PDB file of N, CA and C in Angstrom:
ATOM      1  N   UNK A   1      -6.721  53.509 -48.213  1.00  0.00           N
ATOM      2  CA  UNK A   1      -5.978  52.262 -48.387  1.00  0.00           C
ATOM      3  C   UNK A   1      -6.960  51.112 -48.587  1.00  0.00           C
ATOM      4  N   UNK A   2      -6.614  50.224 -49.480  1.00  0.00           N
ATOM      5  CA  UNK A   2      -7.482  49.076 -49.748  1.00  0.00           C
ATOM      6  C   UNK A   2      -7.190  47.953 -48.778  1.00  0.00           C
ATOM      7  N   UNK A   3      -8.169  47.095 -48.625  1.00  0.00           N
ATOM      8  CA  UNK A   3      -8.000  45.928 -47.765  1.00  0.00           C
ATOM      9  C   UNK A   3      -7.975  44.690 -48.641  1.00  0.00           C
ATOM     10  N   UNK A   4      -6.975  43.862 -48.430  1.00  0.00           N
ATOM     11  CA  UNK A   4      -6.854  42.619 -49.179  1.00  0.00           C
ATOM     12  C   UNK A   4      -6.861  41.455 -48.214  1.00  0.00           C
ATOM     13  N   UNK A   5      -7.557  40.402 -48.584  1.00  0.00           N
ATOM     14  CA  UNK A   5      -7.579  39.195 -47.767  1.00  0.00           C
ATOM     15  C   UNK A   5      -6.965  38.078 -48.595  1.00  0.00           C
ATOM     16  N   UNK A   6      -5.942  37.439 -48.040  1.00  0.00           N
ATOM     17  CA  UNK A   6      -5.290  36.337 -48.749  1.00  0.00           C
ATOM     18  C   UNK A   6      -5.237  35.123 -47.844  1.00  0.00           C
ATOM     19  N   UNK A   7      -5.159  33.959 -48.460  1.00  0.00           N
ATOM     20  CA  UNK A   7      -5.014  32.726 -47.694  1.00  0.00           C
ATOM     21  C   UNK A   7      -3.606  32.190 -47.903  1.00  0.00           C
ATOM     22  N   UNK A   8      -2.917  31.959 -46.790  1.00  0.00           N
ATOM     23  CA  UNK A   8      -1.566  31.405 -46.844  1.00  0.00           C
ATOM     24  C   UNK A   8      -1.426  30.406 -45.715  1.00  0.00           C
ATOM     25  N   UNK A   9      -0.482  29.490 -45.888  1.00  0.00           N
ATOM     26  CA  UNK A   9      -0.148  28.663 -44.734  1.00  0.00           C
ATOM     27  C   UNK A   9       1.025  29.322 -44.003  1.00  0.00           C
ATOM     28  N   UNK A  10       1.373  28.788 -42.858  1.00  0.00           N
ATOM     29  CA  UNK A  10       2.404  29.405 -42.022  1.00  0.00           C
ATOM     30  C   UNK A  10       3.748  29.465 -42.744  1.00  0.00           C
ATOM     31  N   UNK A  11       4.052  28.439 -43.541  1.00  0.00           N
ATOM     32  CA  UNK A  11       5.327  28.427 -44.267  1.00  0.00           C
ATOM     33  C   UNK A  11       5.384  29.557 -45.284  1.00  0.00           C
ATOM     34  N   UNK A  12       4.267  29.781 -45.991  1.00  0.00           N
ATOM     35  CA  UNK A  12       4.225  30.865 -46.970  1.00  0.00           C
ATOM     36  C   UNK A  12       4.388  32.213 -46.281  1.00  0.00           C
ATOM     37  N   UNK A  13       3.732  32.381 -45.152  1.00  0.00           N
ATOM     38  CA  UNK A  13       3.829  33.636 -44.417  1.00  0.00           C
ATOM     39  C   UNK A  13       5.272  33.893 -43.996  1.00  0.00           C
ATOM     40  N   UNK A  14       5.943  32.857 -43.514  1.00  0.00           N
ATOM     41  CA  UNK A  14       7.332  33.003 -43.097  1.00  0.00           C
ATOM     42  C   UNK A  14       8.223  33.330 -44.293  1.00  0.00           C
ATOM     43  N   UNK A  15       7.956  32.687 -45.427  1.00  0.00           N
ATOM     44  CA  UNK A  15       8.744  32.940 -46.628  1.00  0.00           C
ATOM     45  C   UNK A  15       8.576  34.387 -47.090  1.00  0.00           C
ATOM     46  N   UNK A  16       7.342  34.892 -47.022  1.00  0.00           N
ATOM     47  CA  UNK A  16       7.100  36.286 -47.382  1.00  0.00           C
ATOM     48  C   UNK A  16       7.866  37.225 -46.456  1.00  0.00           C
ATOM     49  N   UNK A  17       7.850  36.933 -45.174  1.00  0.00           N
ATOM     50  CA  UNK A  17       8.578  37.774 -44.223  1.00  0.00           C
ATOM     51  C   UNK A  17      10.069  37.772 -44.542  1.00  0.00           C
ATOM     52  N   UNK A  18      10.602  36.591 -44.889  1.00  0.00           N
ATOM     53  CA  UNK A  18      12.023  36.497 -45.220  1.00  0.00           C
ATOM     54  C   UNK A  18      12.350  37.284 -46.492  1.00  0.00           C
ATOM     55  N   UNK A  19      11.484  37.156 -47.499  1.00  0.00           N
ATOM     56  CA  UNK A  19      11.756  37.782 -48.795  1.00  0.00           C
ATOM     57  C   UNK A  19      11.580  39.297 -48.759  1.00  0.00           C
ATOM     58  N   UNK A  20      10.685  39.777 -47.911  1.00  0.00           N
ATOM     59  CA  UNK A  20      10.329  41.194 -47.938  1.00  0.00           C
ATOM     60  C   UNK A  20      10.778  41.929 -46.684  1.00  0.00           C
ATOM     61  N   UNK A  21      11.809  41.405 -46.051  1.00  0.00           N
ATOM     62  CA  UNK A  21      12.252  42.006 -44.790  1.00  0.00           C
ATOM     63  C   UNK A  21      12.723  43.448 -44.967  1.00  0.00           C
ATOM     64  N   UNK A  22      13.062  43.856 -46.199  1.00  0.00           N
ATOM     65  CA  UNK A  22      13.527  45.226 -46.427  1.00  0.00           C
ATOM     66  C   UNK A  22      12.396  46.157 -46.855  1.00  0.00           C
ATOM     67  N   UNK A  23      11.172  45.655 -46.880  1.00  0.00           N
ATOM     68  CA  UNK A  23      10.036  46.476 -47.292  1.00  0.00           C
ATOM     69  C   UNK A  23       9.126  46.721 -46.082  1.00  0.00           C
ATOM     70  N   UNK A  24       9.263  47.896 -45.455  1.00  0.00           N
ATOM     71  CA  UNK A  24       8.552  48.153 -44.190  1.00  0.00           C
ATOM     72  C   UNK A  24       7.041  48.034 -44.299  1.00  0.00           C
ATOM     73  N   UNK A  25       6.454  48.473 -45.413  1.00  0.00           N
ATOM     74  CA  UNK A  25       4.993  48.436 -45.494  1.00  0.00           C
ATOM     75  C   UNK A  25       4.480  47.008 -45.600  1.00  0.00           C
ATOM     76  N   UNK A  26       5.211  46.164 -46.332  1.00  0.00           N
ATOM     77  CA  UNK A  26       4.805  44.756 -46.413  1.00  0.00           C
ATOM     78  C   UNK A  26       4.990  44.091 -45.054  1.00  0.00           C
ATOM     79  N   UNK A  27       6.103  44.371 -44.387  1.00  0.00           N
ATOM     80  CA  UNK A  27       6.344  43.764 -43.079  1.00  0.00           C
ATOM     81  C   UNK A  27       5.273  44.188 -42.087  1.00  0.00           C
ATOM     82  N   UNK A  28       4.870  45.450 -42.144  1.00  0.00           N
ATOM     83  CA  UNK A  28       3.821  45.921 -41.244  1.00  0.00           C
ATOM     84  C   UNK A  28       2.544  45.119 -41.472  1.00  0.00           C
ATOM     85  N   UNK A  29       2.184  44.933 -42.733  1.00  0.00           N
ATOM     86  CA  UNK A  29       0.978  44.163 -43.045  1.00  0.00           C
ATOM     87  C   UNK A  29       1.104  42.716 -42.590  1.00  0.00           C
ATOM     88  N   UNK A  30       2.262  42.114 -42.845  1.00  0.00           N
ATOM     89  CA  UNK A  30       2.452  40.713 -42.459  1.00  0.00           C
ATOM     90  C   UNK A  30       2.405  40.557 -40.947  1.00  0.00           C
ATOM     91  N   UNK A  31       2.977  41.525 -40.235  1.00  0.00           N
ATOM     92  CA  UNK A  31       2.987  41.432 -38.778  1.00  0.00           C
ATOM     93  C   UNK A  31       1.600  41.653 -38.186  1.00  0.00           C
ATOM     94  N   UNK A  32       0.749  42.370 -38.917  1.00  0.00           N
ATOM     95  CA  UNK A  32      -0.613  42.601 -38.440  1.00  0.00           C
ATOM     96  C   UNK A  32      -1.571  41.511 -38.893  1.00  0.00           C
ATOM     97  N   UNK A  33      -1.091  40.619 -39.756  1.00  0.00           N
ATOM     98  CA  UNK A  33      -1.950  39.545 -40.263  1.00  0.00           C
ATOM     99  C   UNK A  33      -2.355  38.639 -39.114  1.00  0.00           C
ATOM    100  N   UNK A  34      -3.588  38.162 -39.170  1.00  0.00           N
ATOM    101  CA  UNK A  34      -4.047  37.264 -38.122  1.00  0.00           C
ATOM    102  C   UNK A  34      -4.791  36.091 -38.734  1.00  0.00           C
ATOM    103  N   UNK A  35      -4.748  34.981 -38.021  1.00  0.00           N
ATOM    104  CA  UNK A  35      -5.403  33.771 -38.505  1.00  0.00           C
ATOM    105  C   UNK A  35      -6.894  33.830 -38.243  1.00  0.00           C
ATOM    106  N   UNK A  36      -7.658  33.345 -39.192  1.00  0.00           N
ATOM    107  CA  UNK A  36      -9.101  33.224 -39.006  1.00  0.00           C
ATOM    108  C   UNK A  36      -9.418  31.879 -38.398  1.00  0.00           C
TER     109      UNK A  36
END
């Protein structure tokens, strides 16, 4: 599996979670995302 690093603000992260709530792999990645 590849590793991707993206920069988002909190609003973008929340929007992604809302839009992709039916995609388990994306949700897993978003939930594991951490702030630097």
